[in-house]
C-alpha cells in the first residue's frame, strides 16, 4: 500500500497570494499602451473635473502638488492576465479633489493626454478607492507608466486607471471610453473576470 492515497494533493500552501481568476503573478511592470507615449511637461500639465452642469475645477501642477498626498500600497491586475502585488505609490485621493465639486452625476469619463478615454462610475472613484498618482516605488512617475500623473483605480482592471490623465468629465449617463467601445467590459472587475462584453 502506498504512503499517499489516490487523490491526495497535500496541504494547501499558506501565505500564497490570492489572485483574481485567470491571473498570473509577475515581478515586472509591463508597459502596455493604446498608442504613442505622450510626453507632458509639468509646467504644461493640468487636471480638471468638469461637472454635468459645465462647472470646471482646475489644478495646474503647482496647485495639484500643494494638495495633501497619500502613500499607499495596492495590487494591480491587467486585463492581459498579469497581476503585480504590493505596488507602492504616492498620489492625491480623488476624495480630496472632489471635496468642493457639487455634482449628482453617477458616471465619469476620464480623459488623457493623447486622446485616451475610459468610463467609470463616480462611486468607484470615491471613499478611498482612487487616486491621481505621481510617484511610483519612491520615484517620480515616468512617462511610460503614465507620468507625470495617472489615474489609479486598483480594484478594477488596469485599463480603467488612465495613464497621462488630464481630467474627469462627470456625466448623467454612462459613456463608453476607448477600450469599452472596442468590446472591453463596461465595468472591468478582475474578481468577476469582466474582461469583455458578455463576461
C-alpha atoms as a PDB file:
ATOM      1  CA  UNK A   1       0.000   0.000   0.000  1.00  0.00           C
ATOM      2  CA  UNK A   2       1.342   3.442  -0.937  1.00  0.00           C
ATOM      3  CA  UNK A   3       2.054   6.159   1.581  1.00  0.00           C
ATOM      4  CA  UNK A   4      -0.173   8.665  -0.238  1.00  0.00           C
ATOM      5  CA  UNK A   5      -3.692   7.663  -1.149  1.00  0.00           C
ATOM      6  CA  UNK A   6      -5.003   8.441  -4.647  1.00  0.00           C
ATOM      7  CA  UNK A   7      -6.416  11.928  -4.940  1.00  0.00           C
ATOM      8  CA  UNK A   8      -4.375  13.362  -2.075  1.00  0.00           C
ATOM      9  CA  UNK A   9      -2.764  16.594  -3.199  1.00  0.00           C
ATOM     10  CA  UNK A  10      -1.151  17.714   0.010  1.00  0.00           C
ATOM     11  CA  UNK A  11      -1.938  20.708   2.134  1.00  0.00           C
ATOM     12  CA  UNK A  12      -2.812  23.992   0.563  1.00  0.00           C
ATOM     13  CA  UNK A  13       0.107  26.408   0.797  1.00  0.00           C
ATOM     14  CA  UNK A  14      -0.495  29.153   3.297  1.00  0.00           C
ATOM     15  CA  UNK A  15       0.787  32.604   2.613  1.00  0.00           C
ATOM     16  CA  UNK A  16       0.461  32.201  -1.173  1.00  0.00           C
ATOM     17  CA  UNK A  17      -1.024  35.333  -2.746  1.00  0.00           C
ATOM     18  CA  UNK A  18      -4.647  35.211  -3.762  1.00  0.00           C
ATOM     19  CA  UNK A  19      -5.106  36.327  -7.357  1.00  0.00           C
ATOM     20  CA  UNK A  20      -8.277  37.028  -9.311  1.00  0.00           C
ATOM     21  CA  UNK A  21      -9.330  34.136 -11.562  1.00  0.00           C
ATOM     22  CA  UNK A  22      -7.208  33.681 -14.691  1.00  0.00           C
ATOM     23  CA  UNK A  23      -4.380  35.966 -13.489  1.00  0.00           C
ATOM     24  CA  UNK A  24      -0.676  35.124 -13.111  1.00  0.00           C
ATOM     25  CA  UNK A  25       1.854  36.834 -10.888  1.00  0.00           C
ATOM     26  CA  UNK A  26       4.634  38.989 -12.332  1.00  0.00           C
ATOM     27  CA  UNK A  27       7.517  40.831 -10.717  1.00  0.00           C
ATOM     28  CA  UNK A  28       7.868  43.083 -13.790  1.00  0.00           C
ATOM     29  CA  UNK A  29       5.698  46.098 -14.500  1.00  0.00           C
ATOM     30  CA  UNK A  30       4.738  45.554 -18.159  1.00  0.00           C
ATOM     31  CA  UNK A  31       4.169  48.648 -20.278  1.00  0.00           C
ATOM     32  CA  UNK A  32       1.065  48.445 -22.468  1.00  0.00           C
ATOM     33  CA  UNK A  33      -0.479  51.436 -24.221  1.00  0.00           C
ATOM     34  CA  UNK A  34      -3.130  52.055 -26.851  1.00  0.00           C
ATOM     35  CA  UNK A  35      -0.899  54.493 -28.743  1.00  0.00           C
ATOM     36  CA  UNK A  36       2.296  56.530 -28.549  1.00  0.00           C
ATOM     37  CA  UNK A  37       3.522  57.704 -25.152  1.00  0.00           C
ATOM     38  CA  UNK A  38       2.645  61.379 -24.552  1.00  0.00           C
ATOM     39  CA  UNK A  39       5.427  63.487 -23.028  1.00  0.00           C
ATOM     40  CA  UNK A  40       3.747  66.128 -20.895  1.00  0.00           C
ATOM     41  CA  UNK A  41       5.873  68.753 -19.162  1.00  0.00           C
ATOM     42  CA  UNK A  42       4.824  69.528 -15.611  1.00  0.00           C
ATOM     43  CA  UNK A  43       4.526  73.250 -16.359  1.00  0.00           C
ATOM     44  CA  UNK A  44       2.035  72.406 -19.146  1.00  0.00           C
ATOM     45  CA  UNK A  45       0.109  69.749 -17.178  1.00  0.00           C
ATOM     46  CA  UNK A  46      -3.297  70.371 -15.686  1.00  0.00           C
ATOM     47  CA  UNK A  47      -6.098  68.281 -14.254  1.00  0.00           C
ATOM     48  CA  UNK A  48      -9.759  69.244 -14.442  1.00  0.00           C
ATOM     49  CA  UNK A  49     -13.050  67.943 -13.129  1.00  0.00           C
ATOM     50  CA  UNK A  50     -15.959  69.188 -15.218  1.00  0.00           C
ATOM     51  CA  UNK A  51     -19.418  68.680 -13.755  1.00  0.00           C
ATOM     52  CA  UNK A  52     -22.525  67.710 -15.692  1.00  0.00           C
ATOM     53  CA  UNK A  53     -23.556  71.396 -15.409  1.00  0.00           C
ATOM     54  CA  UNK A  54     -20.322  72.501 -17.084  1.00  0.00           C
ATOM     55  CA  UNK A  55     -18.625  73.844 -13.944  1.00  0.00           C
ATOM     56  CA  UNK A  56     -14.883  73.343 -14.312  1.00  0.00           C
ATOM     57  CA  UNK A  57     -12.496  72.734 -11.412  1.00  0.00           C
ATOM     58  CA  UNK A  58      -8.843  73.067 -12.449  1.00  0.00           C
ATOM     59  CA  UNK A  59      -5.459  72.357 -10.899  1.00  0.00           C
ATOM     60  CA  UNK A  60      -2.117  73.114 -12.529  1.00  0.00           C
ATOM     61  CA  UNK A  61       0.911  71.117 -11.367  1.00  0.00           C
ATOM     62  CA  UNK A  62       1.780  73.565  -8.561  1.00  0.00           C
ATOM     63  CA  UNK A  63      -1.785  73.618  -7.180  1.00  0.00           C
ATOM     64  CA  UNK A  64      -2.107  69.847  -7.528  1.00  0.00           C
ATOM     65  CA  UNK A  65       1.152  69.183  -5.663  1.00  0.00           C
ATOM     66  CA  UNK A  66       0.084  71.569  -2.899  1.00  0.00           C
ATOM     67  CA  UNK A  67      -2.814  69.223  -2.066  1.00  0.00           C
ATOM     68  CA  UNK A  68      -2.368  66.640   0.695  1.00  0.00           C
ATOM     69  CA  UNK A  69      -0.862  63.464  -0.753  1.00  0.00           C
ATOM     70  CA  UNK A  70      -1.033  59.880   0.472  1.00  0.00           C
ATOM     71  CA  UNK A  71       1.336  56.946   0.248  1.00  0.00           C
ATOM     72  CA  UNK A  72      -0.472  53.713  -0.457  1.00  0.00           C
ATOM     73  CA  UNK A  73       0.259  50.134  -1.473  1.00  0.00           C
ATOM     74  CA  UNK A  74      -2.084  48.312  -3.833  1.00  0.00           C
ATOM     75  CA  UNK A  75      -2.281  45.265  -6.088  1.00  0.00           C
ATOM     76  CA  UNK A  76      -2.629  45.768  -9.852  1.00  0.00           C
ATOM     77  CA  UNK A  77      -4.487  43.457 -12.232  1.00  0.00           C
ATOM     78  CA  UNK A  78      -4.226  43.837 -16.013  1.00  0.00           C
ATOM     79  CA  UNK A  79      -6.841  42.535 -18.424  1.00  0.00           C
ATOM     80  CA  UNK A  80      -3.978  40.781 -20.274  1.00  0.00           C
ATOM     81  CA  UNK A  81      -3.866  38.484 -17.199  1.00  0.00           C
ATOM     82  CA  UNK A  82      -0.809  39.670 -15.270  1.00  0.00           C
ATOM     83  CA  UNK A  83      -1.028  40.820 -11.671  1.00  0.00           C
ATOM     84  CA  UNK A  84       1.588  42.732  -9.710  1.00  0.00           C
ATOM     85  CA  UNK A  85       1.133  42.736  -5.960  1.00  0.00           C
ATOM     86  CA  UNK A  86       2.165  45.243  -3.308  1.00  0.00           C
ATOM     87  CA  UNK A  87       2.942  48.208  -5.575  1.00  0.00           C
ATOM     88  CA  UNK A  88       3.899  51.393  -3.719  1.00  0.00           C
ATOM     89  CA  UNK A  89       2.550  54.763  -4.876  1.00  0.00           C
ATOM     90  CA  UNK A  90       2.076  58.345  -3.817  1.00  0.00           C
ATOM     91  CA  UNK A  91      -0.801  60.465  -5.013  1.00  0.00           C
ATOM     92  CA  UNK A  92      -3.778  62.660  -4.244  1.00  0.00           C
ATOM     93  CA  UNK A  93      -7.019  60.931  -3.336  1.00  0.00           C
ATOM     94  CA  UNK A  94      -9.982  61.652  -5.585  1.00  0.00           C
ATOM     95  CA  UNK A  95     -11.868  62.355  -2.352  1.00  0.00           C
ATOM     96  CA  UNK A  96      -9.632  65.413  -1.911  1.00  0.00           C
ATOM     97  CA  UNK A  97     -10.151  66.568  -5.496  1.00  0.00           C
ATOM     98  CA  UNK A  98     -13.933  66.108  -5.258  1.00  0.00           C
ATOM     99  CA  UNK A  99     -14.189  67.968  -1.924  1.00  0.00           C
ATOM    100  CA  UNK A 100     -15.538  71.198  -3.483  1.00  0.00           C
ATOM    101  CA  UNK A 101     -17.234  69.624  -6.509  1.00  0.00           C
ATOM    102  CA  UNK A 102     -21.023  69.853  -6.475  1.00  0.00           C
ATOM    103  CA  UNK A 103     -22.469  67.120  -8.640  1.00  0.00           C
ATOM    104  CA  UNK A 104     -25.139  64.459  -8.717  1.00  0.00           C
ATOM    105  CA  UNK A 105     -23.590  62.688 -11.730  1.00  0.00           C
ATOM    106  CA  UNK A 106     -23.306  58.929 -11.465  1.00  0.00           C
ATOM    107  CA  UNK A 107     -20.654  58.460 -14.174  1.00  0.00           C
ATOM    108  CA  UNK A 108     -17.283  59.839 -15.124  1.00  0.00           C
ATOM    109  CA  UNK A 109     -15.311  59.738 -18.346  1.00  0.00           C
ATOM    110  CA  UNK A 110     -11.560  60.026 -17.763  1.00  0.00           C
ATOM    111  CA  UNK A 111      -9.635  61.908 -20.462  1.00  0.00           C
ATOM    112  CA  UNK A 112      -5.904  61.553 -21.063  1.00  0.00           C
ATOM    113  CA  UNK A 113      -3.265  63.481 -22.930  1.00  0.00           C
ATOM    114  CA  UNK A 114      -3.010  61.618 -26.229  1.00  0.00           C
ATOM    115  CA  UNK A 115      -6.793  61.168 -26.559  1.00  0.00           C
ATOM    116  CA  UNK A 116      -7.391  58.010 -24.487  1.00  0.00           C
ATOM    117  CA  UNK A 117     -10.664  57.787 -22.544  1.00  0.00           C
ATOM    118  CA  UNK A 118     -12.223  55.317 -20.117  1.00  0.00           C
ATOM    119  CA  UNK A 119     -15.506  55.349 -18.213  1.00  0.00           C
ATOM    120  CA  UNK A 120     -16.152  54.661 -14.530  1.00  0.00           C
ATOM    121  CA  UNK A 121     -18.989  55.012 -12.050  1.00  0.00           C
ATOM    122  CA  UNK A 122     -18.324  58.017  -9.801  1.00  0.00           C
ATOM    123  CA  UNK A 123     -18.818  55.817  -6.727  1.00  0.00           C
ATOM    124  CA  UNK A 124     -15.713  53.836  -7.749  1.00  0.00           C
ATOM    125  CA  UNK A 125     -13.614  56.996  -7.589  1.00  0.00           C
ATOM    126  CA  UNK A 126     -14.558  57.931  -4.018  1.00  0.00           C
ATOM    127  CA  UNK A 127     -14.245  56.551  -0.473  1.00  0.00           C
ATOM    128  CA  UNK A 128     -10.505  55.929  -0.675  1.00  0.00           C
ATOM    129  CA  UNK A 129     -10.692  53.804  -3.829  1.00  0.00           C
ATOM    130  CA  UNK A 130      -8.881  56.011  -6.380  1.00  0.00           C
ATOM    131  CA  UNK A 131      -6.005  58.469  -6.691  1.00  0.00           C
ATOM    132  CA  UNK A 132      -4.180  60.703  -9.129  1.00  0.00           C
ATOM    133  CA  UNK A 133      -0.747  59.140  -8.637  1.00  0.00           C
ATOM    134  CA  UNK A 134       2.503  60.993  -9.352  1.00  0.00           C
ATOM    135  CA  UNK A 135       5.127  58.758  -7.726  1.00  0.00           C
ATOM    136  CA  UNK A 136       5.772  55.016  -8.054  1.00  0.00           C
ATOM    137  CA  UNK A 137       8.171  52.987  -5.909  1.00  0.00           C
ATOM    138  CA  UNK A 138       9.664  56.161  -4.436  1.00  0.00           C
ATOM    139  CA  UNK A 139      10.431  57.758  -7.821  1.00  0.00           C
ATOM    140  CA  UNK A 140       8.652  60.366  -9.935  1.00  0.00           C
ATOM    141  CA  UNK A 141       6.249  58.563 -12.259  1.00  0.00           C
ATOM    142  CA  UNK A 142       7.890  58.129 -15.663  1.00  0.00           C
ATOM    143  CA  UNK A 143       6.064  58.709 -18.927  1.00  0.00           C
ATOM    144  CA  UNK A 144       5.876  55.005 -19.825  1.00  0.00           C
ATOM    145  CA  UNK A 145       3.770  54.359 -16.720  1.00  0.00           C
ATOM    146  CA  UNK A 146       1.604  57.449 -17.179  1.00  0.00           C
ATOM    147  CA  UNK A 147       3.701  60.296 -15.765  1.00  0.00           C
ATOM    148  CA  UNK A 148       3.637  62.963 -14.764  1.00  0.00           C
ATOM    149  CA  UNK A 149       0.348  61.725 -13.220  1.00  0.00           C
ATOM    150  CA  UNK A 150      -2.110  58.919 -13.825  1.00  0.00           C
ATOM    151  CA  UNK A 151      -5.452  57.826 -12.517  1.00  0.00           C
ATOM    152  CA  UNK A 152      -5.182  54.762 -10.297  1.00  0.00           C
ATOM    153  CA  UNK A 153      -8.302  52.681  -9.557  1.00  0.00           C
ATOM    154  CA  UNK A 154      -6.713  49.421  -8.389  1.00  0.00           C
ATOM    155  CA  UNK A 155      -9.883  47.447  -7.671  1.00  0.00           C
ATOM    156  CA  UNK A 156     -10.670  47.441 -11.421  1.00  0.00           C
ATOM    157  CA  UNK A 157      -8.629  46.127 -14.356  1.00  0.00           C
ATOM    158  CA  UNK A 158      -5.732  48.438 -15.082  1.00  0.00           C
ATOM    159  CA  UNK A 159      -7.131  49.874 -18.346  1.00  0.00           C
ATOM    160  CA  UNK A 160      -9.530  51.847 -16.107  1.00  0.00           C
ATOM    161  CA  UNK A 161      -6.500  53.555 -14.469  1.00  0.00           C
ATOM    162  CA  UNK A 162      -5.940  56.039 -17.282  1.00  0.00           C
ATOM    163  CA  UNK A 163      -2.305  56.977 -17.849  1.00  0.00           C
ATOM    164  CA  UNK A 164      -1.423  60.650 -18.607  1.00  0.00           C
ATOM    165  CA  UNK A 165      -4.755  61.691 -17.124  1.00  0.00           C
ATOM    166  CA  UNK A 166      -5.828  65.282 -17.733  1.00  0.00           C
ATOM    167  CA  UNK A 167      -9.384  65.315 -16.454  1.00  0.00           C
ATOM    168  CA  UNK A 168     -12.691  63.779 -15.480  1.00  0.00           C
ATOM    169  CA  UNK A 169     -15.936  64.665 -17.218  1.00  0.00           C
ATOM    170  CA  UNK A 170     -18.942  63.977 -14.968  1.00  0.00           C
ATOM    171  CA  UNK A 171     -21.999  62.612 -16.765  1.00  0.00           C
ATOM    172  CA  UNK A 172     -25.623  61.758 -16.020  1.00  0.00           C
ATOM    173  CA  UNK A 173     -25.470  58.781 -18.405  1.00  0.00           C
ATOM    174  CA  UNK A 174     -22.713  56.249 -18.952  1.00  0.00           C
ATOM    175  CA  UNK A 175     -20.487  56.868 -21.993  1.00  0.00           C
ATOM    176  CA  UNK A 176     -18.056  54.120 -23.067  1.00  0.00           C
ATOM    177  CA  UNK A 177     -14.395  55.024 -23.482  1.00  0.00           C
ATOM    178  CA  UNK A 178     -11.707  53.790 -25.882  1.00  0.00           C
ATOM    179  CA  UNK A 179     -11.466  50.105 -24.922  1.00  0.00           C
ATOM    180  CA  UNK A 180     -15.118  49.819 -23.909  1.00  0.00           C
ATOM    181  CA  UNK A 181     -16.134  50.927 -27.417  1.00  0.00           C
ATOM    182  CA  UNK A 182     -13.801  48.229 -28.790  1.00  0.00           C
ATOM    183  CA  UNK A 183     -15.560  45.447 -26.854  1.00  0.00           C
ATOM    184  CA  UNK A 184     -13.989  45.505 -23.406  1.00  0.00           C
ATOM    185  CA  UNK A 185     -16.306  45.183 -20.426  1.00  0.00           C
ATOM    186  CA  UNK A 186     -18.024  48.373 -19.299  1.00  0.00           C
ATOM    187  CA  UNK A 187     -17.014  47.880 -15.629  1.00  0.00           C
ATOM    188  CA  UNK A 188     -13.940  45.627 -15.501  1.00  0.00           C
ATOM    189  CA  UNK A 189     -13.964  43.820 -12.134  1.00  0.00           C
ATOM    190  CA  UNK A 190     -10.974  41.410 -12.093  1.00  0.00           C
ATOM    191  CA  UNK A 191     -12.524  39.185  -9.421  1.00  0.00           C
ATOM    192  CA  UNK A 192     -15.505  38.568 -11.716  1.00  0.00           C
ATOM    193  CA  UNK A 193     -13.298  38.265 -14.853  1.00  0.00           C
ATOM    194  CA  UNK A 194     -15.136  41.117 -16.568  1.00  0.00           C
ATOM    195  CA  UNK A 195     -12.707  41.411 -19.461  1.00  0.00           C
ATOM    196  CA  UNK A 196     -15.050  41.720 -22.442  1.00  0.00           C
ATOM    197  CA  UNK A 197     -18.711  42.490 -23.151  1.00  0.00           C
ATOM    198  CA  UNK A 198     -20.768  39.500 -22.048  1.00  0.00           C
ATOM    199  CA  UNK A 199     -18.340  38.385 -19.328  1.00  0.00           C
END
